[in-house]
Amino acid sequence: MKFFIAEGNIGSDATKEQTEKVIELLRAKGWDVVYGIGKNKATDVSEFGKEESILDAFTVDFMACIAQVEGE
């Protein structure tokens, strides 16, 4: 799946630099993430019907990455 992340996804006071760091960390974990606003979408036939479970796994990594960036 392709995920789109902008400052508003992280928090009302998030900076572009923090957002880019979160994206970098998520990419290192193997996620297809880009900066911007858009609808997260399945990009491979094998993902169809599994969007919810993929989103759940992504959310866990996303929250961990936010915590890591905020802790720096």
PDB file of N, CA and C in Angstrom:
ATOM      1  N   MET A   1       0.835  -1.180   0.000  1.00  0.00           N
ATOM      2  CA  MET A   1       0.000   0.000   0.000  1.00  0.00           C
ATOM      3  C   MET A   1       0.874   1.235   0.000  1.00  0.00           C
ATOM      4  N   LYS A   2       0.356   2.261  -0.594  1.00  0.00           N
ATOM      5  CA  LYS A   2       1.028   3.550  -0.572  1.00  0.00           C
ATOM      6  C   LYS A   2       0.338   4.415   0.469  1.00  0.00           C
ATOM      7  N   PHE A   3       1.166   5.019   1.330  1.00  0.00           N
ATOM      8  CA  PHE A   3       0.670   5.879   2.391  1.00  0.00           C
ATOM      9  C   PHE A   3       1.165   7.301   2.172  1.00  0.00           C
ATOM     10  N   PHE A   4       0.312   8.259   2.451  1.00  0.00           N
ATOM     11  CA  PHE A   4       0.631   9.674   2.330  1.00  0.00           C
ATOM     12  C   PHE A   4       0.647  10.286   3.723  1.00  0.00           C
ATOM     13  N   ILE A   5       1.698  11.035   4.030  1.00  0.00           N
ATOM     14  CA  ILE A   5       1.825  11.651   5.346  1.00  0.00           C
ATOM     15  C   ILE A   5       2.219  13.114   5.189  1.00  0.00           C
ATOM     16  N   ALA A   6       1.526  13.970   5.929  1.00  0.00           N
ATOM     17  CA  ALA A   6       1.854  15.389   6.016  1.00  0.00           C
ATOM     18  C   ALA A   6       1.869  15.765   7.495  1.00  0.00           C
ATOM     19  N   GLU A   7       2.257  16.986   7.792  1.00  0.00           N
ATOM     20  CA  GLU A   7       2.380  17.421   9.178  1.00  0.00           C
ATOM     21  C   GLU A   7       1.102  17.184   9.983  1.00  0.00           C
ATOM     22  N   GLY A   8      -0.046  17.425   9.392  1.00  0.00           N
ATOM     23  CA  GLY A   8      -1.318  17.262  10.091  1.00  0.00           C
ATOM     24  C   GLY A   8      -1.579  15.838  10.558  1.00  0.00           C
ATOM     25  N   ASN A   9      -0.934  14.860   9.919  1.00  0.00           N
ATOM     26  CA  ASN A   9      -1.100  13.467  10.345  1.00  0.00           C
ATOM     27  C   ASN A   9      -0.331  13.177  11.628  1.00  0.00           C
ATOM     28  N   ILE A  10       0.667  13.991  11.890  1.00  0.00           N
ATOM     29  CA  ILE A  10       1.542  13.753  13.040  1.00  0.00           C
ATOM     30  C   ILE A  10       1.078  14.552  14.255  1.00  0.00           C
ATOM     31  N   GLY A  11       0.659  15.771  14.022  1.00  0.00           N
ATOM     32  CA  GLY A  11       0.204  16.620  15.117  1.00  0.00           C
ATOM     33  C   GLY A  11       0.112  18.058  14.672  1.00  0.00           C
ATOM     34  N   SER A  12      -0.650  18.837  15.398  1.00  0.00           N
ATOM     35  CA  SER A  12      -0.900  20.219  14.987  1.00  0.00           C
ATOM     36  C   SER A  12       0.353  21.085  15.012  1.00  0.00           C
ATOM     37  N   ASP A  13       1.351  20.692  15.806  1.00  0.00           N
ATOM     38  CA  ASP A  13       2.575  21.493  15.869  1.00  0.00           C
ATOM     39  C   ASP A  13       3.768  20.799  15.205  1.00  0.00           C
ATOM     40  N   ALA A  14       3.515  19.788  14.409  1.00  0.00           N
ATOM     41  CA  ALA A  14       4.598  19.049  13.739  1.00  0.00           C
ATOM     42  C   ALA A  14       5.229  19.909  12.646  1.00  0.00           C
ATOM     43  N   THR A  15       6.524  19.759  12.485  1.00  0.00           N
ATOM     44  CA  THR A  15       7.248  20.492  11.443  1.00  0.00           C
ATOM     45  C   THR A  15       7.449  19.595  10.223  1.00  0.00           C
ATOM     46  N   LYS A  16       7.807  20.218   9.116  1.00  0.00           N
ATOM     47  CA  LYS A  16       8.082  19.436   7.909  1.00  0.00           C
ATOM     48  C   LYS A  16       9.283  18.519   8.141  1.00  0.00           C
ATOM     49  N   GLU A  17      10.264  18.995   8.884  1.00  0.00           N
ATOM     50  CA  GLU A  17      11.448  18.189   9.178  1.00  0.00           C
ATOM     51  C   GLU A  17      11.079  16.945   9.979  1.00  0.00           C
ATOM     52  N   GLN A  18      10.198  17.095  10.971  1.00  0.00           N
ATOM     53  CA  GLN A  18       9.748  15.940  11.750  1.00  0.00           C
ATOM     54  C   GLN A  18       8.987  14.956  10.856  1.00  0.00           C
ATOM     55  N   THR A  19       8.158  15.500   9.995  1.00  0.00           N
ATOM     56  CA  THR A  19       7.381  14.662   9.083  1.00  0.00           C
ATOM     57  C   THR A  19       8.305  13.874   8.163  1.00  0.00           C
ATOM     58  N   GLU A  20       9.309  14.544   7.619  1.00  0.00           N
ATOM     59  CA  GLU A  20      10.260  13.863   6.735  1.00  0.00           C
ATOM     60  C   GLU A  20      11.034  12.789   7.479  1.00  0.00           C
ATOM     61  N   LYS A  21      11.342  13.023   8.749  1.00  0.00           N
ATOM     62  CA  LYS A  21      12.058  12.017   9.548  1.00  0.00           C
ATOM     63  C   LYS A  21      11.164  10.794   9.780  1.00  0.00           C
ATOM     64  N   VAL A  22       9.884  11.022  10.087  1.00  0.00           N
ATOM     65  CA  VAL A  22       8.943   9.912  10.267  1.00  0.00           C
ATOM     66  C   VAL A  22       8.856   9.098   8.973  1.00  0.00           C
ATOM     67  N   ILE A  23       8.766   9.782   7.848  1.00  0.00           N
ATOM     68  CA  ILE A  23       8.704   9.108   6.551  1.00  0.00           C
ATOM     69  C   ILE A  23       9.962   8.278   6.320  1.00  0.00           C
ATOM     70  N   GLU A  24      11.111   8.845   6.635  1.00  0.00           N
ATOM     71  CA  GLU A  24      12.386   8.130   6.477  1.00  0.00           C
ATOM     72  C   GLU A  24      12.405   6.861   7.333  1.00  0.00           C
ATOM     73  N   LEU A  25      11.956   6.973   8.566  1.00  0.00           N
ATOM     74  CA  LEU A  25      11.931   5.812   9.460  1.00  0.00           C
ATOM     75  C   LEU A  25      10.969   4.739   8.954  1.00  0.00           C
ATOM     76  N   LEU A  26       9.807   5.171   8.463  1.00  0.00           N
ATOM     77  CA  LEU A  26       8.836   4.204   7.939  1.00  0.00           C
ATOM     78  C   LEU A  26       9.360   3.513   6.685  1.00  0.00           C
ATOM     79  N   ARG A  27      10.025   4.261   5.823  1.00  0.00           N
ATOM     80  CA  ARG A  27      10.623   3.648   4.622  1.00  0.00           C
ATOM     81  C   ARG A  27      11.669   2.618   5.013  1.00  0.00           C
ATOM     82  N   ALA A  28      12.433   2.915   6.068  1.00  0.00           N
ATOM     83  CA  ALA A  28      13.455   1.969   6.537  1.00  0.00           C
ATOM     84  C   ALA A  28      12.811   0.674   7.027  1.00  0.00           C
ATOM     85  N   LYS A  29      11.570   0.755   7.476  1.00  0.00           N
ATOM     86  CA  LYS A  29      10.830  -0.431   7.915  1.00  0.00           C
ATOM     87  C   LYS A  29      10.154  -1.134   6.738  1.00  0.00           C
ATOM     88  N   GLY A  30      10.295  -0.580   5.528  1.00  0.00           N
ATOM     89  CA  GLY A  30       9.769  -1.236   4.338  1.00  0.00           C
ATOM     90  C   GLY A  30       8.435  -0.709   3.834  1.00  0.00           C
ATOM     91  N   TRP A  31       7.916   0.373   4.422  1.00  0.00           N
ATOM     92  CA  TRP A  31       6.640   0.928   3.988  1.00  0.00           C
ATOM     93  C   TRP A  31       6.820   1.851   2.799  1.00  0.00           C
ATOM     94  N   ASP A  32       5.831   1.884   1.930  1.00  0.00           N
ATOM     95  CA  ASP A  32       5.793   2.777   0.770  1.00  0.00           C
ATOM     96  C   ASP A  32       5.085   4.060   1.222  1.00  0.00           C
ATOM     97  N   VAL A  33       5.881   5.054   1.608  1.00  0.00           N
ATOM     98  CA  VAL A  33       5.352   6.289   2.176  1.00  0.00           C
ATOM     99  C   VAL A  33       5.891   7.476   1.405  1.00  0.00           C
ATOM    100  N   VAL A  34       5.024   8.453   1.140  1.00  0.00           N
ATOM    101  CA  VAL A  34       5.437   9.684   0.485  1.00  0.00           C
ATOM    102  C   VAL A  34       4.897  10.872   1.269  1.00  0.00           C
ATOM    103  N   TYR A  35       5.554  12.003   1.090  1.00  0.00           N
ATOM    104  CA  TYR A  35       5.104  13.233   1.721  1.00  0.00           C
ATOM    105  C   TYR A  35       3.934  13.785   0.922  1.00  0.00           C
ATOM    106  N   GLY A  36       2.887  14.159   1.620  1.00  0.00           N
ATOM    107  CA  GLY A  36       1.759  14.783   0.952  1.00  0.00           C
ATOM    108  C   GLY A  36       0.435  14.335   1.529  1.00  0.00           C
ATOM    109  N   ILE A  37      -0.602  14.821   0.900  1.00  0.00           N
ATOM    110  CA  ILE A  37      -1.960  14.503   1.331  1.00  0.00           C
ATOM    111  C   ILE A  37      -2.614  13.687   0.226  1.00  0.00           C
ATOM    112  N   GLY A  38      -3.159  12.586   0.603  1.00  0.00           N
ATOM    113  CA  GLY A  38      -3.823  11.717  -0.360  1.00  0.00           C
ATOM    114  C   GLY A  38      -4.475  10.562   0.360  1.00  0.00           C
ATOM    115  N   LYS A  39      -5.204   9.794  -0.383  1.00  0.00           N
ATOM    116  CA  LYS A  39      -5.866   8.628   0.194  1.00  0.00           C
ATOM    117  C   LYS A  39      -4.918   7.434   0.119  1.00  0.00           C
ATOM    118  N   ASN A  40      -4.701   6.793   1.260  1.00  0.00           N
ATOM    119  CA  ASN A  40      -3.879   5.589   1.273  1.00  0.00           C
ATOM    120  C   ASN A  40      -4.562   4.556   0.392  1.00  0.00           C
ATOM    121  N   LYS A  41      -3.759   3.864  -0.438  1.00  0.00           N
ATOM    122  CA  LYS A  41      -4.387   2.943  -1.378  1.00  0.00           C
ATOM    123  C   LYS A  41      -3.541   1.709  -1.619  1.00  0.00           C
ATOM    124  N   ALA A  42      -4.233   0.620  -1.898  1.00  0.00           N
ATOM    125  CA  ALA A  42      -3.560  -0.622  -2.272  1.00  0.00           C
ATOM    126  C   ALA A  42      -2.876  -0.409  -3.613  1.00  0.00           C
ATOM    127  N   THR A  43      -1.673  -0.915  -3.745  1.00  0.00           N
ATOM    128  CA  THR A  43      -0.919  -0.735  -4.983  1.00  0.00           C
ATOM    129  C   THR A  43      -0.611  -2.058  -5.671  1.00  0.00           C
ATOM    130  N   ASP A  44      -0.970  -3.158  -5.034  1.00  0.00           N
ATOM    131  CA  ASP A  44      -0.688  -4.470  -5.585  1.00  0.00           C
ATOM    132  C   ASP A  44      -1.935  -5.340  -5.431  1.00  0.00           C
ATOM    133  N   VAL A  45      -2.177  -6.176  -6.395  1.00  0.00           N
ATOM    134  CA  VAL A  45      -3.352  -7.050  -6.369  1.00  0.00           C
ATOM    135  C   VAL A  45      -3.387  -7.891  -5.093  1.00  0.00           C
ATOM    136  N   SER A  46      -2.229  -8.299  -4.601  1.00  0.00           N
ATOM    137  CA  SER A  46      -2.178  -9.143  -3.402  1.00  0.00           C
ATOM    138  C   SER A  46      -2.681  -8.414  -2.157  1.00  0.00           C
ATOM    139  N   GLU A  47      -2.766  -7.087  -2.213  1.00  0.00           N
ATOM    140  CA  GLU A  47      -3.206  -6.300  -1.061  1.00  0.00           C
ATOM    141  C   GLU A  47      -4.723  -6.132  -0.986  1.00  0.00           C
ATOM    142  N   PHE A  48      -5.400  -6.341  -2.095  1.00  0.00           N
ATOM    143  CA  PHE A  48      -6.849  -6.148  -2.119  1.00  0.00           C
ATOM    144  C   PHE A  48      -7.523  -7.097  -1.135  1.00  0.00           C
ATOM    145  N   GLY A  49      -8.413  -6.536  -0.327  1.00  0.00           N
ATOM    146  CA  GLY A  49      -9.093  -7.310   0.690  1.00  0.00           C
ATOM    147  C   GLY A  49      -8.326  -7.404   1.998  1.00  0.00           C
ATOM    148  N   LYS A  50      -7.079  -6.949   1.995  1.00  0.00           N
ATOM    149  CA  LYS A  50      -6.242  -6.995   3.193  1.00  0.00           C
ATOM    150  C   LYS A  50      -5.920  -5.598   3.708  1.00  0.00           C
ATOM    151  N   GLU A  51      -6.589  -4.590   3.145  1.00  0.00           N
ATOM    152  CA  GLU A  51      -6.254  -3.203   3.480  1.00  0.00           C
ATOM    153  C   GLU A  51      -6.324  -2.920   4.985  1.00  0.00           C
ATOM    154  N   GLU A  52      -7.342  -3.453   5.641  1.00  0.00           N
ATOM    155  CA  GLU A  52      -7.511  -3.171   7.071  1.00  0.00           C
ATOM    156  C   GLU A  52      -6.360  -3.740   7.895  1.00  0.00           C
ATOM    157  N   SER A  53      -5.952  -4.959   7.622  1.00  0.00           N
ATOM    158  CA  SER A  53      -4.855  -5.555   8.391  1.00  0.00           C
ATOM    159  C   SER A  53      -3.531  -4.856   8.080  1.00  0.00           C
ATOM    160  N   ILE A  54      -3.338  -4.445   6.837  1.00  0.00           N
ATOM    161  CA  ILE A  54      -2.129  -3.706   6.468  1.00  0.00           C
ATOM    162  C   ILE A  54      -2.127  -2.359   7.188  1.00  0.00           C
ATOM    163  N   LEU A  55      -3.259  -1.680   7.195  1.00  0.00           N
ATOM    164  CA  LEU A  55      -3.372  -0.386   7.869  1.00  0.00           C
ATOM    165  C   LEU A  55      -3.108  -0.533   9.367  1.00  0.00           C
ATOM    166  N   ASP A  56      -3.594  -1.602   9.976  1.00  0.00           N
ATOM    167  CA  ASP A  56      -3.342  -1.831  11.404  1.00  0.00           C
ATOM    168  C   ASP A  56      -1.840  -1.975  11.672  1.00  0.00           C
ATOM    169  N   ALA A  57      -1.146  -2.737  10.849  1.00  0.00           N
ATOM    170  CA  ALA A  57       0.297  -2.925  11.019  1.00  0.00           C
ATOM    171  C   ALA A  57       1.037  -1.608  10.790  1.00  0.00           C
ATOM    172  N   PHE A  58       0.607  -0.859   9.782  1.00  0.00           N
ATOM    173  CA  PHE A  58       1.222   0.436   9.497  1.00  0.00           C
ATOM    174  C   PHE A  58       1.041   1.384  10.681  1.00  0.00           C
ATOM    175  N   THR A  59      -0.145   1.394  11.267  1.00  0.00           N
ATOM    176  CA  THR A  59      -0.438   2.292  12.381  1.00  0.00           C
ATOM    177  C   THR A  59       0.501   2.038  13.552  1.00  0.00           C
ATOM    178  N   VAL A  60       0.789   0.787  13.837  1.00  0.00           N
ATOM    179  CA  VAL A  60       1.712   0.444  14.925  1.00  0.00           C
ATOM    180  C   VAL A  60       3.092   1.046  14.640  1.00  0.00           C
ATOM    181  N   ASP A  61       3.613   0.838  13.435  1.00  0.00           N
ATOM    182  CA  ASP A  61       4.926   1.384  13.074  1.00  0.00           C
ATOM    183  C   ASP A  61       4.894   2.910  13.031  1.00  0.00           C
ATOM    184  N   PHE A  62       3.808   3.482  12.517  1.00  0.00           N
ATOM    185  CA  PHE A  62       3.667   4.932  12.420  1.00  0.00           C
ATOM    186  C   PHE A  62       3.734   5.569  13.808  1.00  0.00           C
ATOM    187  N   MET A  63       2.997   5.029  14.748  1.00  0.00           N
ATOM    188  CA  MET A  63       2.999   5.579  16.101  1.00  0.00           C
ATOM    189  C   MET A  63       4.373   5.426  16.760  1.00  0.00           C
ATOM    190  N   ALA A  64       5.044   4.311  16.524  1.00  0.00           N
ATOM    191  CA  ALA A  64       6.378   4.100  17.076  1.00  0.00           C
ATOM    192  C   ALA A  64       7.365   5.106  16.495  1.00  0.00           C
ATOM    193  N   CYS A  65       7.251   5.396  15.210  1.00  0.00           N
ATOM    194  CA  CYS A  65       8.136   6.354  14.563  1.00  0.00           C
ATOM    195  C   CYS A  65       7.886   7.767  15.067  1.00  0.00           C
ATOM    196  N   ILE A  66       6.623   8.112  15.283  1.00  0.00           N
ATOM    197  CA  ILE A  66       6.306   9.428  15.841  1.00  0.00           C
ATOM    198  C   ILE A  66       6.923   9.558  17.229  1.00  0.00           C
ATOM    199  N   ALA A  67       6.773   8.547  18.067  1.00  0.00           N
ATOM    200  CA  ALA A  67       7.338   8.577  19.410  1.00  0.00           C
ATOM    201  C   ALA A  67       8.855   8.720  19.368  1.00  0.00           C
ATOM    202  N   GLN A  68       9.481   8.027  18.407  1.00  0.00           N
ATOM    203  CA  GLN A  68      10.938   8.123  18.282  1.00  0.00           C
ATOM    204  C   GLN A  68      11.356   9.529  17.897  1.00  0.00           C
ATOM    205  N   VAL A  69      10.670  10.140  16.948  1.00  0.00           N
ATOM    206  CA  VAL A  69      11.015  11.494  16.501  1.00  0.00           C
ATOM    207  C   VAL A  69      10.752  12.511  17.612  1.00  0.00           C
ATOM    208  N   GLU A  70       9.656  12.360  18.326  1.00  0.00           N
ATOM    209  CA  GLU A  70       9.335  13.281  19.416  1.00  0.00           C
ATOM    210  C   GLU A  70      10.322  13.140  20.567  1.00  0.00           C
ATOM    211  N   GLY A  71      10.913  11.963  20.724  1.00  0.00           N
ATOM    212  CA  GLY A  71      11.877  11.728  21.789  1.00  0.00           C
ATOM    213  C   GLY A  71      13.263  12.265  21.488  1.00  0.00           C
ATOM    214  N   GLU A  72      13.497  12.654  20.253  1.00  0.00           N
ATOM    215  CA  GLU A  72      14.825  13.152  19.861  1.00  0.00           C
ATOM    216  C   GLU A  72      15.026  14.585  20.280  1.00  0.00           C
TER     217      GLU A  72
END
